[in-house]
Amino acid sequence: MLEGYQGRTIEEISGAFHWTVPVRYNLGVDCSNRQPAQNLALIHEELDGSTDRYTFGRLTELSNRLANGLVACGINRGDRVAVILPQHPATAIAHIAIYKVGAIAIPMSTLFGPDALEMRLQDSAAKLVVTDERTLPKVEEIADRLPHLSQILLLGGESGRIKSQTIDELIRDGSADFEAADTSSEDPALLIYTSGTTGGPKGALHAHRVLLGHLPGFELSHDFFPQDGDVFWTPADWAWIGGLMDGLFPTLHHGRCIVSFENRSAFDPERALDMMARHAVRNAFLPPTALKLMRQADVVIPSKLRLRSVMSGGEALGEEMLAWVSDRFRVTVNEIYGQTAVSYTHLTLPTILR
C-alpha cells in the first residue's frame, strides 16, 4: 500500500489522475528530447548475453539522425512507415524518428507470414519498411504487389529486389540536429492493426495523444509508477499495442529505463527471471502465457529479484494463478483489459484498494 492513499475512496484516488492534453504535442519528442539527457533510457540484452545501454541523450541523437535520414529517403509528414522489427533499440529509435518527422508508424510482428504482411502493407499504403535480414525475404516475396513501397531500411544486410539502405548508414550520415514536426496532439501517429477476431484485421489509427491517454491506466496498474528505482520490462512484442503503449512509451515518457530482450525462440522462463534480476527490473507487464509457462516450469525465483509491480492482460488469470504469482513474486497482480483500438479500458487494483 502506498503512503498517502490508504483509506481514500476510488473517487478520491481517480481525482488525482485528471490530466490536460496539450494542443501541440509530439510523442517522439516527449519520449526523447524532453527527458534528462544523462538518464538511462534503455538496456538491451542480446541473445549471447551481451548488453548495450542508451541514455536519453543517445536516444535523442540517434532518433534525430534517423529522422533526417527518413526525410532524405522521401518520407514526409503523413506518410506511412512500417516497422517490422523484434524487441530491439532500433525499434524504439525508428518509432521516435517517424513521430518526429510527423509520419505515421505501422508496427508489425516479425512472426507474420507474407500474406499477413501483404494485407497490412497494401491497406496502409506504406511507403517505406524498416525491418531486419530475417524478415526481409518475406517482404521481398510480396514487393511486386506493393505499389506504394519505394524503399526498405534494414537492420543489417541489403535487398536484392528493392532499393534498400541500412539503418546504420542513415544514422551515420544524418545530422544530429533535427527540428521535429510541430504536430497537434490530434495528428495521426500510429496505425496498428487489430487481430481480426471479427472479420479481417482492421487498422486503428491513433493520434499522438494516445500515449497521454494510456498514462493513468499505466501508472495505476504499476502501483503509482514511477517510484524511485523503477525499471520496466515486458516480454510483450513492441509490435503490439500492449508492448508499445502499456510498456515502452509510458516508461520513456516518465524518464525511466526499460529493458529490451531479443528472444527469437520460445519464451524461456528461467532466462527471463535471471535477466530481470540482473537488470534490477522492478515493474513488469507479464502476459498470462508468460506466467503460465513460469508456473509449468516450477521456476525458482532468483534471490536478487525485487519486483514492485506486476500487470497482466490478455485473458483472465483466475484465482489459482493469482495466488501462485502472489506466493512466488510477493506482489499482487493488477489485471487490465483493453483492445488495439482502445487499451486500458478496465483494470483491477487490489493492491491500491484493499
Protein backbone atom coordinates (compact mmCIF):
# COMPACT_ATOMS: atom_id res chain seq x y z
CA MET A 1 0.00 0.00 0.00
CA LEU A 2 1.46 3.37 -0.99
CA GLU A 3 1.63 6.07 1.63
CA GLY A 4 -0.97 8.78 1.16
CA TYR A 5 -3.68 6.65 -0.48
CA GLN A 6 -4.71 4.37 2.36
CA GLY A 7 -8.31 4.96 3.38
CA ARG A 8 -9.14 7.09 0.33
CA THR A 9 -12.06 6.22 -1.93
CA ILE A 10 -11.67 5.29 -5.59
CA GLU A 11 -13.24 8.65 -6.48
CA GLU A 12 -10.60 10.47 -4.46
CA ILE A 13 -7.80 8.42 -5.99
CA SER A 14 -9.07 8.86 -9.55
CA GLY A 15 -9.32 12.59 -8.95
CA ALA A 16 -5.53 12.68 -8.72
CA PHE A 17 -5.29 11.46 -12.30
CA HIS A 18 -7.03 14.24 -14.18
CA TRP A 19 -4.77 15.48 -16.94
CA THR A 20 -4.69 18.06 -19.70
CA VAL A 21 -3.86 17.14 -23.28
CA PRO A 22 -1.75 19.94 -24.81
CA VAL A 23 -2.79 21.36 -28.16
CA ARG A 24 0.70 20.88 -29.64
CA TYR A 25 2.31 17.58 -28.79
CA ASN A 26 4.75 15.17 -30.42
CA LEU A 27 5.06 11.67 -29.00
CA GLY A 28 8.63 11.21 -30.25
CA VAL A 29 9.90 14.46 -28.74
CA ASP A 30 8.19 13.67 -25.45
CA CYS A 31 9.96 10.31 -25.14
CA SER A 32 13.44 11.54 -26.03
CA ASN A 33 14.29 15.27 -26.19
CA ARG A 34 12.21 16.24 -23.15
CA GLN A 35 13.90 13.78 -20.82
CA PRO A 36 17.14 14.37 -18.86
CA ALA A 37 19.90 13.55 -21.36
CA GLN A 38 22.11 11.79 -18.80
CA ASN A 39 19.40 9.44 -17.53
CA LEU A 40 19.42 5.80 -18.60
CA ALA A 41 16.61 5.11 -21.07
CA LEU A 42 17.15 1.59 -22.35
CA ILE A 43 19.19 -1.52 -21.59
CA HIS A 44 19.33 -4.03 -24.43
CA GLU A 45 20.40 -7.62 -23.92
CA GLU A 46 21.41 -9.65 -26.97
CA LEU A 47 20.90 -13.39 -27.41
CA ASP A 48 24.52 -14.01 -26.38
CA GLY A 49 24.01 -12.13 -23.12
CA SER A 50 25.95 -9.00 -24.09
CA THR A 51 24.31 -5.70 -23.23
CA ASP A 52 24.20 -2.15 -24.56
CA ARG A 53 22.96 0.92 -22.70
CA TYR A 54 21.24 4.00 -24.11
CA THR A 55 20.82 7.29 -22.28
CA PHE A 56 18.03 9.64 -23.29
CA GLY A 57 20.70 11.86 -24.83
CA ARG A 58 21.84 8.99 -27.04
CA LEU A 59 18.24 8.10 -27.88
CA THR A 60 17.60 11.70 -28.89
CA GLU A 61 20.69 11.92 -31.08
CA LEU A 62 20.11 8.59 -32.85
CA SER A 63 16.44 9.31 -33.49
CA ASN A 64 17.32 12.79 -34.81
CA ARG A 65 19.87 11.29 -37.19
CA LEU A 66 17.39 8.67 -38.38
CA ALA A 67 14.66 11.30 -38.78
CA ASN A 68 16.98 13.26 -41.10
CA GLY A 69 17.65 10.03 -42.96
CA LEU A 70 13.94 9.33 -43.37
CA VAL A 71 13.42 12.79 -44.83
CA ALA A 72 16.32 12.14 -47.23
CA CYS A 73 14.52 8.95 -48.27
CA GLY A 74 11.47 10.99 -49.23
CA ILE A 75 9.39 10.43 -46.10
CA ASN A 76 7.21 13.41 -45.33
CA ARG A 77 4.55 14.33 -42.84
CA GLY A 78 1.61 11.93 -43.07
CA ASP A 79 3.50 9.17 -44.91
CA ARG A 80 3.12 5.64 -43.57
CA VAL A 81 6.24 3.75 -42.45
CA ALA A 82 6.04 0.08 -41.43
CA VAL A 83 8.26 -1.10 -38.58
CA ILE A 84 8.75 -4.89 -38.69
CA LEU A 85 11.38 -5.50 -36.02
CA PRO A 86 11.72 -7.52 -32.80
CA GLN A 87 12.13 -6.00 -29.33
CA HIS A 88 15.30 -4.04 -30.08
CA PRO A 89 16.67 -0.48 -29.61
CA ALA A 90 16.28 0.09 -33.37
CA THR A 91 12.54 -0.42 -32.94
CA ALA A 92 12.26 2.36 -30.38
CA ILE A 93 14.58 4.64 -32.37
CA ALA A 94 12.61 4.07 -35.58
CA HIS A 95 9.28 4.86 -33.91
CA ILE A 96 10.60 8.03 -32.28
CA ALA A 97 12.17 9.19 -35.57
CA ILE A 98 8.95 8.54 -37.50
CA TYR A 99 6.92 10.57 -35.00
CA LYS A 100 9.44 13.42 -35.12
CA VAL A 101 9.07 13.58 -38.91
CA GLY A 102 5.29 13.72 -38.47
CA ALA A 103 4.88 10.46 -40.36
CA ILE A 104 2.77 7.50 -39.21
CA ALA A 105 4.31 4.32 -37.79
CA ILE A 106 2.79 0.93 -38.58
CA PRO A 107 4.12 -1.73 -36.18
CA MET A 108 4.01 -5.32 -37.45
CA SER A 109 5.22 -8.59 -35.99
CA THR A 110 8.26 -10.35 -37.42
CA LEU A 111 6.23 -13.55 -36.98
CA PHE A 112 3.74 -12.52 -39.67
CA GLY A 113 3.83 -14.52 -42.88
CA PRO A 114 3.85 -12.96 -46.37
CA ASP A 115 0.04 -12.91 -46.62
CA ALA A 116 -0.41 -11.07 -43.31
CA LEU A 117 2.29 -8.58 -44.22
CA GLU A 118 0.87 -8.02 -47.70
CA MET A 119 -2.61 -7.29 -46.40
CA ARG A 120 -1.37 -4.67 -43.93
CA LEU A 121 1.20 -3.08 -46.23
CA GLN A 122 -1.31 -2.79 -49.06
CA ASP A 123 -4.11 -1.47 -46.86
CA SER A 124 -1.87 1.10 -45.17
CA ALA A 125 -0.16 2.18 -48.41
CA ALA A 126 3.17 2.02 -46.58
CA LYS A 127 5.86 3.97 -48.41
CA LEU A 128 8.83 2.53 -46.55
CA VAL A 129 9.53 -0.61 -44.49
CA VAL A 130 12.00 -0.81 -41.62
CA THR A 131 12.95 -4.44 -40.97
CA ASP A 132 15.80 -6.92 -40.49
CA GLU A 133 17.56 -9.61 -42.51
CA ARG A 134 15.40 -12.41 -41.14
CA THR A 135 12.14 -10.75 -42.18
CA LEU A 136 13.46 -9.32 -45.47
CA PRO A 137 12.71 -12.42 -47.64
CA LYS A 138 9.01 -12.22 -46.73
CA VAL A 139 8.87 -8.55 -47.74
CA GLU A 140 10.77 -9.21 -50.97
CA GLU A 141 8.34 -12.01 -51.83
CA ILE A 142 5.42 -9.59 -51.92
CA ALA A 143 7.22 -6.41 -53.03
CA ASP A 144 5.85 -6.58 -56.59
CA ARG A 145 2.32 -6.34 -55.19
CA LEU A 146 3.05 -3.24 -53.08
CA PRO A 147 2.82 -0.27 -55.45
CA HIS A 148 3.36 2.32 -52.71
CA LEU A 149 6.51 0.74 -51.28
CA SER A 150 9.59 2.60 -52.51
CA GLN A 151 12.38 1.53 -50.17
CA ILE A 152 13.44 -0.78 -47.35
CA LEU A 153 15.60 0.20 -44.38
CA LEU A 154 17.44 -2.78 -42.96
CA LEU A 155 18.92 -3.62 -39.61
CA GLY A 156 21.96 -5.11 -41.38
CA GLY A 157 22.15 -6.66 -44.86
CA GLU A 158 20.75 -5.45 -48.17
CA SER A 159 17.90 -6.23 -50.51
CA GLY A 160 18.46 -7.61 -53.98
CA ARG A 161 14.95 -6.85 -55.23
CA ILE A 162 14.07 -3.40 -53.94
CA LYS A 163 16.04 -0.26 -53.12
CA SER A 164 17.49 -0.53 -49.64
CA GLN A 165 19.81 1.13 -47.16
CA THR A 166 20.80 0.16 -43.65
CA ILE A 167 19.59 1.96 -40.56
CA ASP A 168 23.23 2.38 -39.53
CA GLU A 169 24.01 4.17 -42.82
CA LEU A 170 21.20 6.67 -42.34
CA ILE A 171 22.17 7.29 -38.73
CA ARG A 172 25.85 7.70 -39.66
CA ASP A 173 25.10 10.18 -42.46
CA GLY A 174 22.26 12.09 -40.79
CA SER A 175 22.72 15.26 -38.77
CA ALA A 176 22.31 15.04 -35.01
CA ASP A 177 20.11 18.15 -35.18
CA PHE A 178 16.52 17.78 -36.28
CA GLU A 179 13.58 20.14 -35.91
CA ALA A 180 10.65 17.88 -35.15
CA ALA A 181 7.34 18.45 -36.88
CA ASP A 182 5.09 20.81 -34.96
CA THR A 183 2.34 18.26 -34.58
CA SER A 184 -1.02 18.66 -32.93
CA SER A 185 -1.95 16.14 -30.27
CA GLU A 186 -4.77 15.19 -32.66
CA ASP A 187 -2.46 14.48 -35.61
CA PRO A 188 -2.13 10.78 -36.56
CA ALA A 189 0.98 8.99 -35.30
CA LEU A 190 0.32 5.26 -35.10
CA LEU A 191 -1.61 2.86 -37.34
CA ILE A 192 -1.87 -0.52 -35.67
CA TYR A 193 -3.89 -3.47 -36.91
CA THR A 194 -6.30 -5.47 -34.81
CA SER A 195 -6.04 -9.26 -34.65
CA GLY A 196 -9.22 -9.63 -36.71
CA THR A 197 -11.36 -11.51 -34.21
CA THR A 198 -14.45 -10.40 -36.15
CA GLY A 199 -13.68 -10.36 -39.86
CA GLY A 200 -10.25 -9.38 -41.13
CA PRO A 201 -7.68 -7.19 -39.34
CA LYS A 202 -8.62 -3.54 -39.21
CA GLY A 203 -6.31 -0.57 -38.92
CA ALA A 204 -6.78 1.51 -35.76
CA LEU A 205 -5.39 5.00 -36.32
CA HIS A 206 -4.16 6.68 -33.14
CA ALA A 207 -3.14 10.31 -32.66
CA HIS A 208 -0.06 11.50 -30.78
CA ARG A 209 -2.23 11.89 -27.68
CA VAL A 210 -2.70 8.10 -27.50
CA LEU A 211 0.26 7.92 -25.13
CA LEU A 212 -1.22 10.53 -22.79
CA GLY A 213 -4.48 8.60 -22.69
CA HIS A 214 -2.65 5.46 -21.58
CA LEU A 215 -0.77 7.10 -18.71
CA PRO A 216 -3.38 6.94 -15.91
CA GLY A 217 -4.02 3.23 -16.52
CA PHE A 218 -0.30 2.52 -16.75
CA GLU A 219 0.53 4.44 -13.60
CA LEU A 220 -2.23 2.81 -11.56
CA SER A 221 -1.60 -0.72 -12.83
CA HIS A 222 2.01 -0.39 -11.65
CA ASP A 223 1.10 0.92 -8.21
CA PHE A 224 1.70 4.60 -8.96
CA PHE A 225 4.56 4.42 -11.43
CA PRO A 226 7.12 5.92 -11.34
CA GLN A 227 8.78 5.37 -8.00
CA ASP A 228 12.48 5.74 -7.21
CA GLY A 229 14.48 2.94 -8.81
CA ASP A 230 11.73 1.74 -11.15
CA VAL A 231 12.98 -0.22 -14.18
CA PHE A 232 10.47 -1.79 -16.57
CA TRP A 233 10.38 -4.93 -18.72
CA THR A 234 7.80 -6.92 -20.64
CA PRO A 235 8.16 -9.89 -22.98
CA ALA A 236 5.28 -8.42 -24.99
CA ASP A 237 6.29 -7.69 -28.58
CA TRP A 238 6.67 -3.99 -29.34
CA ALA A 239 4.62 -4.64 -32.49
CA TRP A 240 1.57 -4.95 -30.21
CA ILE A 241 -0.33 -2.09 -28.58
CA GLY A 242 0.41 -3.75 -25.23
CA GLY A 243 4.14 -3.71 -25.81
CA LEU A 244 4.21 -0.15 -27.12
CA MET A 245 1.62 1.74 -25.09
CA ASP A 246 1.46 -0.44 -21.99
CA GLY A 247 5.24 -0.64 -21.72
CA LEU A 248 7.78 1.12 -23.93
CA PHE A 249 6.44 4.64 -24.34
CA PRO A 250 4.87 5.22 -20.90
CA THR A 251 8.19 4.20 -19.36
CA LEU A 252 10.17 6.61 -21.56
CA HIS A 253 7.60 9.38 -21.00
CA HIS A 254 8.33 9.15 -17.28
CA GLY A 255 12.08 9.29 -17.88
CA ARG A 256 12.62 5.75 -16.62
CA CYS A 257 14.61 2.85 -18.04
CA ILE A 258 13.11 -0.04 -20.00
CA VAL A 259 14.89 -3.31 -20.73
CA SER A 260 14.69 -4.85 -24.19
CA PHE A 261 15.39 -8.52 -24.58
CA GLU A 262 15.52 -10.07 -28.04
CA ASN A 263 14.11 -13.59 -27.96
CA ARG A 264 13.85 -15.40 -31.29
CA SER A 265 12.74 -18.70 -29.80
CA ALA A 266 10.05 -19.78 -27.35
CA PHE A 267 9.72 -17.87 -24.09
CA ASP A 268 12.32 -19.13 -21.60
CA PRO A 269 11.01 -18.63 -18.03
CA GLU A 270 14.34 -19.17 -16.28
CA ARG A 271 16.25 -16.85 -18.57
CA ALA A 272 13.59 -14.16 -18.26
CA LEU A 273 13.72 -14.28 -14.47
CA ASP A 274 17.52 -14.23 -14.46
CA MET A 275 17.52 -11.25 -16.80
CA MET A 276 15.03 -9.34 -14.62
CA ALA A 277 17.18 -9.99 -11.56
CA ARG A 278 20.43 -8.92 -13.25
CA HIS A 279 18.97 -5.67 -14.57
CA ALA A 280 17.09 -4.83 -11.37
CA VAL A 281 13.67 -4.84 -13.05
CA ARG A 282 11.04 -3.60 -10.60
CA ASN A 283 7.97 -3.35 -12.84
CA ALA A 284 6.79 -5.95 -15.32
CA PHE A 285 3.92 -6.49 -17.73
CA LEU A 286 3.73 -10.29 -17.80
CA PRO A 287 1.04 -11.65 -20.14
CA PRO A 288 -0.86 -14.76 -18.95
CA THR A 289 1.08 -17.01 -21.34
CA ALA A 290 4.39 -16.00 -19.75
CA LEU A 291 3.06 -16.54 -16.23
CA LYS A 292 1.63 -19.94 -17.17
CA LEU A 293 4.98 -21.04 -18.60
CA MET A 294 6.73 -19.91 -15.43
CA ARG A 295 4.30 -21.90 -13.33
CA GLN A 296 4.61 -25.01 -15.54
CA ALA A 297 8.41 -24.81 -15.25
CA ASP A 298 8.09 -24.53 -11.45
CA VAL A 299 10.62 -21.72 -11.58
CA VAL A 300 12.89 -20.80 -8.72
CA ILE A 301 12.71 -17.05 -8.13
CA PRO A 302 16.23 -15.52 -8.09
CA SER A 303 17.15 -14.11 -4.69
CA LYS A 304 18.07 -10.76 -6.28
CA LEU A 305 14.69 -10.31 -7.99
CA ARG A 306 12.88 -7.37 -6.42
CA LEU A 307 9.65 -6.82 -8.37
CA ARG A 308 7.49 -3.97 -7.09
CA SER A 309 4.56 -4.34 -9.50
CA VAL A 310 3.21 -6.86 -11.99
CA MET A 311 0.50 -6.08 -14.52
CA SER A 312 -1.11 -8.72 -16.72
CA GLY A 313 -3.64 -8.59 -19.53
CA GLY A 314 -4.89 -10.58 -22.48
CA GLU A 315 -7.08 -13.05 -20.59
CA ALA A 316 -8.24 -13.52 -17.02
CA LEU A 317 -5.67 -15.26 -14.82
CA GLY A 318 -8.04 -16.94 -12.36
CA GLU A 319 -7.72 -17.34 -8.60
CA GLU A 320 -5.14 -20.14 -8.65
CA MET A 321 -2.74 -18.27 -10.92
CA LEU A 322 -3.17 -15.03 -8.99
CA ALA A 323 -2.38 -16.88 -5.77
CA TRP A 324 0.68 -18.53 -7.35
CA VAL A 325 2.08 -15.19 -8.52
CA SER A 326 1.46 -13.63 -5.12
CA ASP A 327 3.21 -16.53 -3.38
CA ARG A 328 6.25 -16.66 -5.70
CA PHE A 329 6.80 -12.97 -6.53
CA ARG A 330 5.44 -11.42 -3.33
CA VAL A 331 3.37 -8.95 -5.34
CA THR A 332 -0.31 -8.69 -6.19
CA VAL A 333 -1.10 -8.78 -9.91
CA ASN A 334 -3.05 -5.86 -11.34
CA GLU A 335 -5.06 -7.16 -14.31
CA ILE A 336 -6.13 -4.94 -17.19
CA TYR A 337 -8.44 -5.24 -20.16
CA GLY A 338 -8.09 -3.42 -23.44
CA GLN A 339 -8.13 -3.68 -27.20
CA THR A 340 -5.95 -2.46 -30.04
CA ALA A 341 -8.40 0.37 -30.69
CA VAL A 342 -8.97 1.24 -27.02
CA SER A 343 -6.49 -0.06 -24.44
CA TYR A 344 -6.62 0.17 -20.64
CA THR A 345 -10.42 0.31 -20.58
CA HIS A 346 -10.67 -1.71 -17.35
CA LEU A 347 -8.22 -2.58 -14.61
CA THR A 348 -8.26 -4.22 -11.19
CA LEU A 349 -6.42 -2.53 -8.35
CA PRO A 350 -6.37 -4.94 -5.42
CA THR A 351 -3.11 -3.51 -4.04
CA ILE A 352 -4.39 0.06 -4.01
CA LEU A 353 -7.95 -0.55 -2.88
CA ARG A 354 -7.50 -3.20 -0.23
